[in-house]
């Protein structure tokens, strides 16, 4: 027995050695492929941000941030009404979408295991995948034509909110499902009502994910152009009246980009850089909130 084992051992070792080499080669190939794909994604992102920065920085000056757009063809002017309008409509949209999305996410994660919950999830997935221009047409037909009677910042905010709700809901729902059940059970075992368990245990535990979902929805809604063209339309003057047409950065970028003037093209890149900066700030806030949650 000892002799036969000694004879078989070299062949077995050679087989294992060949298999190990094959696994190592496959692993190295897969690692290289994944790393290359990640590098391509980073390179594309750096190229886009770098190109927008190089083209947009020449437009940045005091008048660009404090002035209003000038009449068609004139050199100069700024995007203050568009910045203020974008931030104002995002704020109103958040007031509508964040509570709605959070409450829906809580229902789906804690109570929505039946048929109604599946219908709500399917509807949200369908809404999340719907082209934004369809949402714009819907809000235009309902609010702009029938309710308000004209283009307005409020209609633009509602369109943004509709875009935000499914993103907030589905993101937060998945995060809440990751909260360990033993935390809920421990709270309920102490006699704490379920609603207080959700508000005092589940939501604080998933705080970083909740913030991430909200910021992602803001970044998505803030860059939409088609719904705002059909709802808020635009305004060359600084306006805080939500019942009137309101300027926004995406629409202002479009207006500057399609004009046949080099100065306006530069301002289009400058406005795009502002939008990139806003989205980057939202992502930075998300990172900081996530890091703070982990530290706690």
Protein backbone atom coordinates (compact mmCIF):
# COMPACT_ATOMS: atom_id res chain seq x y z
CA UNK A 1 0.00 0.00 0.00
CA UNK A 2 2.80 2.35 0.86
CA UNK A 3 4.57 1.53 -2.41
CA UNK A 4 1.49 2.09 -4.59
CA UNK A 5 0.80 5.41 -2.89
CA UNK A 6 4.35 6.48 -3.45
CA UNK A 7 4.11 5.56 -7.15
CA UNK A 8 0.78 7.41 -7.64
CA UNK A 9 1.82 10.52 -5.81
CA UNK A 10 3.98 12.12 -8.58
CA UNK A 11 1.16 11.84 -11.16
CA UNK A 12 -1.34 13.26 -8.71
CA UNK A 13 1.00 16.10 -7.92
CA UNK A 14 1.48 16.83 -11.62
CA UNK A 15 -2.31 16.86 -12.15
CA UNK A 16 -2.82 19.19 -9.21
CA UNK A 17 0.02 21.40 -10.40
CA UNK A 18 -1.49 21.68 -13.91
CA UNK A 19 -4.93 22.42 -12.49
CA UNK A 20 -3.50 25.06 -10.16
CA UNK A 21 -1.64 26.72 -13.03
CA UNK A 22 -4.82 26.76 -15.11
CA UNK A 23 -6.79 28.28 -12.24
CA UNK A 24 -4.06 30.88 -11.70
CA UNK A 25 -4.09 31.83 -15.39
CA UNK A 26 -7.89 32.09 -15.46
CA UNK A 27 -7.84 34.14 -12.26
CA UNK A 28 -5.16 36.47 -13.65
CA UNK A 29 -7.10 36.90 -16.91
CA UNK A 30 -10.37 37.65 -15.11
CA UNK A 31 -8.65 40.07 -12.72
CA UNK A 32 -7.02 41.88 -15.63
CA UNK A 33 -10.32 42.04 -17.51
CA UNK A 34 -12.22 43.42 -14.51
CA UNK A 35 -9.46 45.89 -13.69
CA UNK A 36 -9.32 47.02 -17.31
CA UNK A 37 -13.08 47.58 -17.41
CA UNK A 38 -12.91 49.60 -14.18
CA UNK A 39 -10.00 51.63 -15.56
CA UNK A 40 -11.92 52.37 -18.77
CA UNK A 41 -14.87 53.64 -16.73
CA UNK A 42 -12.63 55.89 -14.64
CA UNK A 43 -10.78 57.16 -17.72
CA UNK A 44 -14.06 58.04 -19.46
CA UNK A 45 -15.31 59.88 -16.37
CA UNK A 46 -12.03 61.79 -15.97
CA UNK A 47 -12.04 62.67 -19.67
CA UNK A 48 -15.62 63.98 -19.55
CA UNK A 49 -15.07 66.02 -16.38
CA UNK A 50 -11.72 67.30 -17.65
CA UNK A 51 -13.16 68.29 -21.03
CA UNK A 52 -16.15 70.07 -19.46
CA UNK A 53 -13.80 71.83 -17.03
CA UNK A 54 -11.42 73.01 -19.75
CA UNK A 55 -14.28 74.25 -21.93
CA UNK A 56 -16.37 75.68 -19.10
CA UNK A 57 -13.87 77.46 -16.85
CA UNK A 58 -13.34 80.38 -19.29
CA UNK A 59 -17.00 81.30 -18.78
CA UNK A 60 -16.69 81.48 -15.00
CA UNK A 61 -16.49 85.03 -13.72
CA UNK A 62 -18.44 87.24 -11.35
CA UNK A 63 -20.91 88.39 -13.98
CA UNK A 64 -21.56 84.79 -15.04
CA UNK A 65 -22.70 83.85 -11.52
CA UNK A 66 -24.52 87.09 -10.69
CA UNK A 67 -25.99 88.21 -14.01
CA UNK A 68 -29.00 87.17 -16.02
CA UNK A 69 -29.03 85.90 -19.62
CA UNK A 70 -28.92 88.70 -22.16
CA UNK A 71 -31.16 88.95 -25.24
CA UNK A 72 -30.46 86.65 -28.15
CA UNK A 73 -27.10 87.30 -29.78
CA UNK A 74 -25.66 89.71 -27.19
CA UNK A 75 -22.29 88.93 -25.59
CA UNK A 76 -22.12 88.60 -21.82
CA UNK A 77 -24.70 87.81 -19.19
CA UNK A 78 -24.90 85.00 -16.66
CA UNK A 79 -26.93 82.15 -15.25
CA UNK A 80 -28.04 83.36 -11.81
CA UNK A 81 -31.77 82.83 -12.61
CA UNK A 82 -31.01 79.29 -13.80
CA UNK A 83 -29.01 78.40 -10.68
CA UNK A 84 -31.67 79.82 -8.36
CA UNK A 85 -34.49 78.18 -10.32
CA UNK A 86 -32.82 74.76 -10.33
CA UNK A 87 -32.15 74.85 -6.57
CA UNK A 88 -35.66 76.11 -5.83
CA UNK A 89 -37.39 73.47 -7.93
CA UNK A 90 -35.17 70.75 -6.44
CA UNK A 91 -36.11 71.93 -2.96
CA UNK A 92 -39.85 71.80 -3.74
CA UNK A 93 -39.44 68.44 -5.46
CA UNK A 94 -37.65 67.10 -2.37
CA UNK A 95 -40.47 68.26 -0.12
CA UNK A 96 -42.85 66.20 -2.27
CA UNK A 97 -40.70 63.19 -3.15
CA UNK A 98 -38.63 62.46 -0.04
CA UNK A 99 -41.48 61.91 2.46
CA UNK A 100 -43.51 60.03 -0.16
CA UNK A 101 -40.57 57.83 -1.12
CA UNK A 102 -39.52 57.15 2.48
CA UNK A 103 -43.00 56.22 3.65
CA UNK A 104 -43.53 53.97 0.63
CA UNK A 105 -40.15 52.32 1.21
CA UNK A 106 -40.99 51.69 4.87
CA UNK A 107 -44.30 50.11 3.89
CA UNK A 108 -42.72 47.88 1.25
CA UNK A 109 -39.84 46.72 3.47
CA UNK A 110 -41.81 46.22 6.69
CA UNK A 111 -45.34 45.35 5.57
CA UNK A 112 -45.44 44.94 1.78
CA UNK A 113 -45.11 41.18 1.41
CA UNK A 114 -48.53 40.64 -0.17
CA UNK A 115 -50.06 41.17 -3.58
CA UNK A 116 -50.49 44.91 -3.07
CA UNK A 117 -46.81 45.27 -2.25
CA UNK A 118 -45.83 43.44 -5.44
CA UNK A 119 -48.12 45.69 -7.47
CA UNK A 120 -46.53 48.80 -5.91
CA UNK A 121 -43.01 47.51 -6.61
CA UNK A 122 -43.89 46.74 -10.22
CA UNK A 123 -45.44 50.18 -10.66
CA UNK A 124 -42.39 51.89 -9.19
CA UNK A 125 -40.02 49.91 -11.42
CA UNK A 126 -42.13 50.86 -14.43
CA UNK A 127 -42.11 54.52 -13.38
CA UNK A 128 -38.34 54.47 -12.81
CA UNK A 129 -37.75 53.16 -16.32
CA UNK A 130 -40.19 55.53 -18.01
CA UNK A 131 -38.60 58.13 -20.32
CA UNK A 132 -38.48 61.50 -18.61
CA UNK A 133 -40.12 63.23 -21.56
CA UNK A 134 -43.24 61.11 -21.00
CA UNK A 135 -43.37 62.39 -17.42
CA UNK A 136 -42.96 65.91 -18.76
CA UNK A 137 -45.82 65.47 -21.22
CA UNK A 138 -48.04 64.08 -18.45
CA UNK A 139 -47.35 67.01 -16.09
CA UNK A 140 -47.77 69.44 -18.99
CA UNK A 141 -51.17 67.99 -19.87
CA UNK A 142 -52.36 67.84 -16.27
CA UNK A 143 -50.87 70.87 -14.49
CA UNK A 144 -49.75 73.28 -17.20
CA UNK A 145 -52.91 73.03 -19.29
CA UNK A 146 -55.66 72.05 -16.85
CA UNK A 147 -54.73 73.16 -13.31
CA UNK A 148 -52.24 76.06 -13.34
CA UNK A 149 -52.98 77.17 -16.87
CA UNK A 150 -49.42 78.14 -17.80
CA UNK A 151 -45.80 77.06 -17.57
CA UNK A 152 -44.54 77.34 -14.00
CA UNK A 153 -41.80 76.39 -11.58
CA UNK A 154 -44.33 74.38 -9.58
CA UNK A 155 -45.07 72.16 -12.59
CA UNK A 156 -41.33 71.67 -13.08
CA UNK A 157 -40.92 70.70 -9.42
CA UNK A 158 -43.76 68.18 -9.69
CA UNK A 159 -42.11 66.62 -12.76
CA UNK A 160 -38.84 66.36 -10.82
CA UNK A 161 -40.65 64.82 -7.86
CA UNK A 162 -42.21 62.12 -10.04
CA UNK A 163 -38.73 61.25 -11.31
CA UNK A 164 -37.33 61.17 -7.75
CA UNK A 165 -40.00 59.08 -6.01
CA UNK A 166 -39.21 55.64 -7.51
CA UNK A 167 -35.46 56.15 -7.03
CA UNK A 168 -35.87 57.09 -3.36
CA UNK A 169 -38.37 54.32 -2.72
CA UNK A 170 -36.55 51.41 -4.32
CA UNK A 171 -33.13 52.43 -2.98
CA UNK A 172 -34.32 52.96 0.58
CA UNK A 173 -36.41 49.78 0.52
CA UNK A 174 -33.39 47.65 -0.35
CA UNK A 175 -31.32 49.36 2.35
CA UNK A 176 -34.02 48.81 4.99
CA UNK A 177 -34.14 45.13 4.09
CA UNK A 178 -30.45 44.87 4.97
CA UNK A 179 -31.09 45.94 8.57
CA UNK A 180 -30.72 42.74 10.69
CA UNK A 181 -34.00 41.34 11.96
CA UNK A 182 -32.57 40.78 15.44
CA UNK A 183 -32.50 44.57 15.94
CA UNK A 184 -36.23 44.75 15.26
CA UNK A 185 -36.91 41.71 17.44
CA UNK A 186 -34.89 43.11 20.34
CA UNK A 187 -36.83 46.37 20.24
CA UNK A 188 -40.20 44.62 19.98
CA UNK A 189 -39.26 42.27 22.83
CA UNK A 190 -38.79 45.31 25.07
CA UNK A 191 -42.39 46.31 24.39
CA UNK A 192 -41.59 49.12 21.96
CA UNK A 193 -44.39 49.67 19.40
CA UNK A 194 -43.55 48.74 15.85
CA UNK A 195 -43.81 52.28 14.53
CA UNK A 196 -41.31 53.47 17.13
CA UNK A 197 -39.04 50.54 16.30
CA UNK A 198 -39.04 51.59 12.67
CA UNK A 199 -38.39 55.26 13.44
CA UNK A 200 -35.97 54.73 16.33
CA UNK A 201 -34.06 51.60 15.31
CA UNK A 202 -34.48 50.68 11.64
CA UNK A 203 -34.17 54.12 10.03
CA UNK A 204 -31.17 55.30 12.10
CA UNK A 205 -29.37 52.04 11.32
CA UNK A 206 -29.96 52.56 7.58
CA UNK A 207 -29.28 56.29 7.68
CA UNK A 208 -26.37 56.23 5.23
CA UNK A 209 -28.38 54.29 2.66
CA UNK A 210 -31.35 56.61 3.06
CA UNK A 211 -29.17 59.65 2.41
CA UNK A 212 -27.62 57.90 -0.58
CA UNK A 213 -31.03 57.22 -2.13
CA UNK A 214 -32.13 60.82 -1.65
CA UNK A 215 -28.93 62.25 -3.13
CA UNK A 216 -29.06 59.90 -6.11
CA UNK A 217 -32.61 61.00 -6.86
CA UNK A 218 -31.64 64.68 -6.60
CA UNK A 219 -28.71 64.17 -8.97
CA UNK A 220 -30.94 62.37 -11.47
CA UNK A 221 -33.76 64.92 -11.38
CA UNK A 222 -31.44 67.93 -11.41
CA UNK A 223 -30.00 67.00 -14.79
CA UNK A 224 -33.25 66.42 -16.67
CA UNK A 225 -34.02 68.79 -19.52
CA UNK A 226 -37.07 67.50 -21.39
CA UNK A 227 -39.54 67.62 -18.46
CA UNK A 228 -38.49 71.18 -17.58
CA UNK A 229 -38.85 72.36 -21.17
CA UNK A 230 -42.45 71.15 -21.10
CA UNK A 231 -43.29 72.40 -17.59
CA UNK A 232 -41.12 75.26 -16.28
CA UNK A 233 -40.14 76.42 -19.80
CA UNK A 234 -37.55 79.01 -18.69
CA UNK A 235 -37.15 82.63 -17.70
CA UNK A 236 -34.45 85.24 -18.43
CA UNK A 237 -35.14 87.01 -15.15
CA UNK A 238 -34.66 85.98 -11.54
CA UNK A 239 -38.03 84.82 -10.25
CA UNK A 240 -39.15 83.15 -7.03
CA UNK A 241 -42.80 82.91 -8.07
CA UNK A 242 -43.57 79.22 -8.48
CA UNK A 243 -46.69 79.98 -10.50
CA UNK A 244 -44.65 81.64 -13.25
CA UNK A 245 -42.14 80.22 -15.77
CA UNK A 246 -38.80 79.56 -14.08
CA UNK A 247 -35.26 79.18 -15.37
CA UNK A 248 -33.19 76.03 -14.84
CA UNK A 249 -29.65 74.98 -15.64
CA UNK A 250 -30.51 72.12 -18.03
CA UNK A 251 -32.79 74.36 -20.11
CA UNK A 252 -30.26 77.19 -20.01
CA UNK A 253 -27.53 74.81 -21.22
CA UNK A 254 -29.77 73.76 -24.10
CA UNK A 255 -30.56 77.39 -24.99
CA UNK A 256 -26.90 78.38 -25.02
CA UNK A 257 -25.75 75.23 -26.85
CA UNK A 258 -28.10 75.51 -29.84
CA UNK A 259 -27.30 79.18 -30.44
CA UNK A 260 -24.87 80.01 -33.30
CA UNK A 261 -22.63 82.20 -31.09
CA UNK A 262 -19.25 81.16 -29.70
CA UNK A 263 -19.76 83.20 -26.52
CA UNK A 264 -22.99 81.37 -25.83
CA UNK A 265 -21.32 78.02 -26.52
CA UNK A 266 -18.72 78.86 -23.89
CA UNK A 267 -21.51 79.75 -21.47
CA UNK A 268 -23.17 76.42 -22.23
CA UNK A 269 -19.99 74.63 -21.13
CA UNK A 270 -19.76 76.88 -18.08
CA UNK A 271 -23.36 76.07 -17.13
CA UNK A 272 -22.66 72.36 -17.63
CA UNK A 273 -19.68 72.67 -15.30
CA UNK A 274 -21.94 74.21 -12.65
CA UNK A 275 -24.33 71.29 -13.02
CA UNK A 276 -21.44 68.83 -12.71
CA UNK A 277 -20.29 70.67 -9.58
CA UNK A 278 -23.78 70.43 -8.05
CA UNK A 279 -23.96 66.69 -8.76
CA UNK A 280 -20.44 66.24 -7.40
CA UNK A 281 -21.39 68.10 -4.24
CA UNK A 282 -24.41 65.84 -3.76
CA UNK A 283 -22.19 62.77 -4.13
CA UNK A 284 -19.67 64.24 -1.67
CA UNK A 285 -22.44 64.79 0.87
CA UNK A 286 -23.47 61.16 0.37
CA UNK A 287 -19.91 59.95 0.99
CA UNK A 288 -19.55 62.06 4.12
CA UNK A 289 -22.89 60.86 5.48
CA UNK A 290 -21.94 57.24 4.78
CA UNK A 291 -18.56 57.66 6.47
CA UNK A 292 -20.11 59.34 9.51
CA UNK A 293 -22.64 56.52 9.82
CA UNK A 294 -19.88 53.90 9.71
CA UNK A 295 -17.88 55.75 12.36
CA UNK A 296 -20.87 55.61 14.67
